[in-house]
């Protein structure tokens, strides 16, 4: 996605609904160019078009969450992708930043095997022949498009990977990381048991809320990759619990090591 498309997406997210003509004026490009950009973003599921307007997705749709803080999430995903090596087998949980990580791995050309509970992610990266994807079955949650529960955990017992990448919904300085669904959190805990290192991928906004369900404690997480809006206090909490912290800026991402 080029810089103009990122600016366009940010404007639509802020305004929620805006005329195509106004977008062309704000970005100082022709209506033809704006329509082309909107078609690209709509095809990627990041916004909707309707009768001369561009508008955000349904908030209950995963594509809506994908479009929120898109540029920061993309930079986090790019940084995380540098940790994954050619011919690696990894686990990826679910969520928008994890989906962007999978996409970055597809773009990289590396031959990666991905084990995931996310049907959304499997579909999102379906065009990349260099990625081999195993989707774990179980009880299907249509809102998050994931498989969870006892059957999922039974299948997980057959796999072991060096790396697990996951998203979170909240944070507590006394415990660690939270989710918003008890069955999904339970499944993530099972994934963490079957991986050597767990990497949390999240934009810094998730550190401002606790959410509902305990997901992973500090000692279960190896590293956090987030953005430079992380508060000094929360950064120090992570360091005090011996987590590796990787930060991306608003302008560029930096290489990471495992």
Protein backbone atom coordinates (compact mmCIF):
# COMPACT_ATOMS: atom_id res chain seq x y z
CA UNK A 1 0.00 0.00 0.00
CA UNK A 2 1.43 3.36 -1.01
CA UNK A 3 1.46 6.48 1.17
CA UNK A 4 -1.56 8.03 -0.58
CA UNK A 5 -3.65 4.93 0.06
CA UNK A 6 -2.64 4.97 3.72
CA UNK A 7 -3.67 8.63 3.98
CA UNK A 8 -6.95 7.85 2.22
CA UNK A 9 -7.71 5.00 4.59
CA UNK A 10 -6.90 7.15 7.61
CA UNK A 11 -9.30 9.88 6.40
CA UNK A 12 -12.12 7.39 5.83
CA UNK A 13 -11.57 5.85 9.27
CA UNK A 14 -11.71 9.29 10.88
CA UNK A 15 -14.74 10.56 8.94
CA UNK A 16 -16.55 7.18 8.76
CA UNK A 17 -18.27 8.30 5.54
CA UNK A 18 -16.98 10.81 3.00
CA UNK A 19 -17.74 11.83 -0.58
CA UNK A 20 -15.33 10.62 -3.26
CA UNK A 21 -15.09 14.18 -4.64
CA UNK A 22 -14.01 15.52 -1.25
CA UNK A 23 -11.36 12.80 -0.97
CA UNK A 24 -9.94 13.84 -4.34
CA UNK A 25 -9.74 17.46 -3.15
CA UNK A 26 -8.15 16.59 0.20
CA UNK A 27 -5.48 14.41 -1.42
CA UNK A 28 -4.99 16.74 -4.40
CA UNK A 29 -5.48 14.04 -7.04
CA UNK A 30 -8.01 13.41 -9.79
CA UNK A 31 -11.33 11.66 -9.25
CA UNK A 32 -10.12 8.89 -11.55
CA UNK A 33 -7.10 8.29 -9.29
CA UNK A 34 -9.26 8.28 -6.14
CA UNK A 35 -11.69 5.79 -7.67
CA UNK A 36 -8.78 3.53 -8.61
CA UNK A 37 -7.39 3.76 -5.06
CA UNK A 38 -10.81 3.07 -3.55
CA UNK A 39 -11.27 0.03 -5.77
CA UNK A 40 -7.94 -1.36 -4.55
CA UNK A 41 -8.81 -0.76 -0.89
CA UNK A 42 -12.31 -2.18 -1.31
CA UNK A 43 -10.91 -5.30 -2.98
CA UNK A 44 -8.67 -5.77 0.06
CA UNK A 45 -11.69 -5.46 2.34
CA UNK A 46 -10.45 -2.31 4.08
CA UNK A 47 -13.44 -0.08 3.29
CA UNK A 48 -16.75 0.05 1.41
CA UNK A 49 -18.02 2.20 -1.45
CA UNK A 50 -21.59 3.30 -1.83
CA UNK A 51 -23.17 5.78 -4.27
CA UNK A 52 -20.29 8.26 -4.53
CA UNK A 53 -19.12 7.75 -0.96
CA UNK A 54 -16.33 5.84 0.76
CA UNK A 55 -17.20 4.45 4.18
CA UNK A 56 -15.81 2.26 6.94
CA UNK A 57 -16.71 -1.41 7.23
CA UNK A 58 -19.21 -2.84 9.67
CA UNK A 59 -17.52 -2.64 13.11
CA UNK A 60 -18.38 -6.32 13.68
CA UNK A 61 -16.43 -7.31 10.56
CA UNK A 62 -12.80 -8.42 10.93
CA UNK A 63 -11.90 -6.20 7.99
CA UNK A 64 -13.00 -3.21 10.07
CA UNK A 65 -10.43 -4.05 12.74
CA UNK A 66 -7.83 -4.64 10.04
CA UNK A 67 -8.32 -1.07 8.81
CA UNK A 68 -7.92 0.50 12.26
CA UNK A 69 -4.36 1.79 12.85
CA UNK A 70 -3.49 -0.02 9.62
CA UNK A 71 -0.10 1.61 9.04
CA UNK A 72 1.14 0.88 12.58
CA UNK A 73 -0.08 -2.71 12.39
CA UNK A 74 1.62 -3.16 9.02
CA UNK A 75 4.94 -1.94 10.44
CA UNK A 76 4.61 -4.29 13.40
CA UNK A 77 3.92 -7.13 10.97
CA UNK A 78 6.94 -6.21 8.85
CA UNK A 79 9.17 -6.26 11.90
CA UNK A 80 7.77 -9.59 13.06
CA UNK A 81 8.31 -11.08 9.59
CA UNK A 82 12.07 -10.53 9.89
CA UNK A 83 12.12 -12.99 12.80
CA UNK A 84 10.75 -15.80 10.61
CA UNK A 85 13.28 -17.65 8.46
CA UNK A 86 12.97 -19.59 5.22
CA UNK A 87 11.51 -23.09 5.79
CA UNK A 88 10.30 -22.24 9.31
CA UNK A 89 7.12 -23.73 10.75
CA UNK A 90 5.26 -21.27 12.97
CA UNK A 91 1.94 -20.84 14.76
CA UNK A 92 -0.17 -17.75 14.16
CA UNK A 93 -3.20 -17.20 16.36
CA UNK A 94 -5.70 -14.71 14.93
CA UNK A 95 -6.42 -10.99 14.66
CA UNK A 96 -5.65 -8.18 12.28
CA UNK A 97 -1.93 -7.71 12.97
CA UNK A 98 -1.39 -11.46 12.74
CA UNK A 99 -3.16 -11.43 9.36
CA UNK A 100 -0.78 -8.72 8.16
CA UNK A 101 2.17 -10.77 9.40
CA UNK A 102 0.99 -13.74 7.34
CA UNK A 103 0.65 -11.44 4.33
CA UNK A 104 4.18 -10.06 4.82
CA UNK A 105 5.52 -13.62 4.91
CA UNK A 106 3.69 -14.31 1.68
CA UNK A 107 5.21 -11.26 0.04
CA UNK A 108 8.68 -12.20 1.28
CA UNK A 109 8.82 -15.32 -0.85
CA UNK A 110 10.05 -17.38 2.11
CA UNK A 111 8.73 -20.93 2.24
CA UNK A 112 6.84 -20.98 5.53
CA UNK A 113 4.46 -23.48 7.08
CA UNK A 114 1.76 -21.75 9.13
CA UNK A 115 -0.41 -23.50 11.73
CA UNK A 116 -3.37 -21.31 12.64
CA UNK A 117 -6.82 -21.33 14.22
CA UNK A 118 -7.91 -18.47 11.94
CA UNK A 119 -9.98 -19.19 8.85
CA UNK A 120 -9.81 -15.47 8.12
CA UNK A 121 -6.01 -15.58 7.90
CA UNK A 122 -6.04 -18.73 5.78
CA UNK A 123 -8.33 -17.02 3.28
CA UNK A 124 -6.45 -13.72 3.48
CA UNK A 125 -3.19 -15.32 2.27
CA UNK A 126 -4.69 -17.85 -0.13
CA UNK A 127 -2.84 -16.41 -3.16
CA UNK A 128 0.68 -17.04 -1.83
CA UNK A 129 2.04 -20.35 -3.10
CA UNK A 130 5.13 -20.10 -0.87
CA UNK A 131 2.96 -20.52 2.25
CA UNK A 132 1.66 -23.88 3.45
CA UNK A 133 -1.28 -23.40 5.81
CA UNK A 134 -2.81 -25.84 8.29
CA UNK A 135 -6.08 -24.63 9.81
CA UNK A 136 -7.04 -26.30 13.07
CA UNK A 137 -10.68 -27.28 13.35
CA UNK A 138 -12.94 -27.15 16.35
CA UNK A 139 -15.92 -25.08 17.44
CA UNK A 140 -16.26 -22.31 14.87
CA UNK A 141 -16.72 -18.75 16.12
CA UNK A 142 -18.19 -16.83 13.22
CA UNK A 143 -17.45 -13.35 14.59
CA UNK A 144 -13.69 -13.95 14.85
CA UNK A 145 -13.62 -16.69 12.17
CA UNK A 146 -11.56 -19.03 14.35
CA UNK A 147 -11.70 -22.60 15.60
CA UNK A 148 -11.56 -23.09 19.38
CA UNK A 149 -12.33 -25.61 22.07
CA UNK A 150 -11.42 -29.21 22.98
CA UNK A 151 -11.06 -30.49 19.40
CA UNK A 152 -8.73 -27.63 18.53
CA UNK A 153 -6.60 -28.36 21.59
CA UNK A 154 -6.55 -32.07 20.70
CA UNK A 155 -5.12 -31.24 17.25
CA UNK A 156 -2.65 -28.78 18.76
CA UNK A 157 -1.11 -31.62 20.75
CA UNK A 158 0.26 -33.01 17.46
CA UNK A 159 2.31 -29.89 16.70
CA UNK A 160 5.30 -28.12 18.16
CA UNK A 161 6.90 -24.96 16.78
CA UNK A 162 9.67 -22.61 17.82
CA UNK A 163 7.49 -19.49 17.46
CA UNK A 164 3.91 -18.48 18.17
CA UNK A 165 2.59 -15.08 17.09
CA UNK A 166 -0.57 -13.80 18.72
CA UNK A 167 -2.70 -10.74 19.25
CA UNK A 168 -4.19 -9.49 22.51
CA UNK A 169 -7.16 -7.39 23.59
CA UNK A 170 -5.83 -5.91 26.81
CA UNK A 171 -3.04 -5.66 29.35
CA UNK A 172 -2.64 -5.66 33.11
CA UNK A 173 0.64 -4.66 34.76
CA UNK A 174 0.18 -7.26 37.49
CA UNK A 175 -0.66 -10.27 35.29
CA UNK A 176 0.16 -9.72 31.64
CA UNK A 177 -2.06 -10.07 28.58
CA UNK A 178 -5.82 -10.41 28.24
CA UNK A 179 -8.33 -11.55 25.63
CA UNK A 180 -12.04 -10.88 25.27
CA UNK A 181 -13.27 -14.46 24.82
CA UNK A 182 -12.73 -17.30 27.31
CA UNK A 183 -12.59 -20.12 24.76
CA UNK A 184 -10.22 -18.25 22.48
CA UNK A 185 -7.96 -17.40 25.43
CA UNK A 186 -7.96 -21.05 26.50
CA UNK A 187 -6.96 -22.09 22.98
CA UNK A 188 -4.16 -19.51 22.88
CA UNK A 189 -2.81 -20.90 26.15
CA UNK A 190 -2.70 -24.36 24.54
CA UNK A 191 -0.86 -22.91 21.54
CA UNK A 192 1.70 -21.30 23.86
CA UNK A 193 2.37 -24.65 25.55
CA UNK A 194 3.29 -26.10 22.16
CA UNK A 195 5.67 -23.30 21.10
CA UNK A 196 9.13 -22.42 22.40
CA UNK A 197 8.59 -18.65 22.23
CA UNK A 198 5.43 -16.54 22.17
CA UNK A 199 5.51 -13.15 20.45
CA UNK A 200 2.72 -10.65 21.17
CA UNK A 201 1.94 -8.39 18.20
CA UNK A 202 -0.17 -5.40 19.16
CA UNK A 203 -0.47 -1.68 18.67
CA UNK A 204 0.05 0.32 21.86
CA UNK A 205 -3.65 1.13 22.28
CA UNK A 206 -4.22 -2.37 23.70
CA UNK A 207 -2.06 -1.48 26.72
CA UNK A 208 -4.69 1.04 27.83
CA UNK A 209 -7.38 -1.53 28.65
CA UNK A 210 -7.56 -4.75 30.68
CA UNK A 211 -10.26 -6.58 28.67
CA UNK A 212 -12.10 -9.60 30.10
CA UNK A 213 -10.15 -12.87 30.24
CA UNK A 214 -6.61 -13.69 31.31
CA UNK A 215 -4.77 -14.95 28.25
CA UNK A 216 -1.00 -15.19 28.84
CA UNK A 217 1.00 -14.22 31.91
CA UNK A 218 4.32 -12.40 31.61
CA UNK A 219 6.37 -15.58 32.03
CA UNK A 220 4.55 -17.20 29.08
CA UNK A 221 5.59 -14.46 26.65
CA UNK A 222 9.05 -14.08 25.13
CA UNK A 223 8.70 -10.77 23.29
CA UNK A 224 6.32 -7.93 22.49
CA UNK A 225 6.36 -6.04 19.20
CA UNK A 226 4.44 -2.79 19.39
CA UNK A 227 4.67 0.89 18.42
CA UNK A 228 6.25 3.98 19.91
CA UNK A 229 3.01 5.10 21.57
CA UNK A 230 3.71 2.54 24.32
CA UNK A 231 3.97 4.44 27.59
CA UNK A 232 7.26 4.59 29.45
CA UNK A 233 5.57 2.98 32.44
CA UNK A 234 4.27 -0.02 30.49
CA UNK A 235 7.57 -0.39 28.66
CA UNK A 236 9.36 -0.60 32.00
CA UNK A 237 6.84 -3.16 33.31
CA UNK A 238 7.58 -5.40 30.33
CA UNK A 239 11.33 -5.02 30.78
CA UNK A 240 11.07 -5.69 34.51
CA UNK A 241 9.36 -8.99 33.66
CA UNK A 242 12.25 -9.83 31.32
CA UNK A 243 10.27 -9.57 28.10
CA UNK A 244 12.07 -8.50 24.94
CA UNK A 245 10.43 -5.34 23.60
CA UNK A 246 10.66 -4.30 19.96
CA UNK A 247 9.32 -0.91 18.91
CA UNK A 248 8.31 0.40 15.50
CA UNK A 249 8.02 4.10 14.82
CA UNK A 250 5.45 5.99 12.79
CA UNK A 251 7.99 6.39 9.99
CA UNK A 252 9.89 3.17 9.68
CA UNK A 253 10.36 -0.32 11.08
CA UNK A 254 13.67 -1.68 12.31
CA UNK A 255 15.13 -5.17 12.08
CA UNK A 256 14.52 -7.57 14.92
CA UNK A 257 16.30 -10.59 16.22
CA UNK A 258 15.07 -13.65 18.05
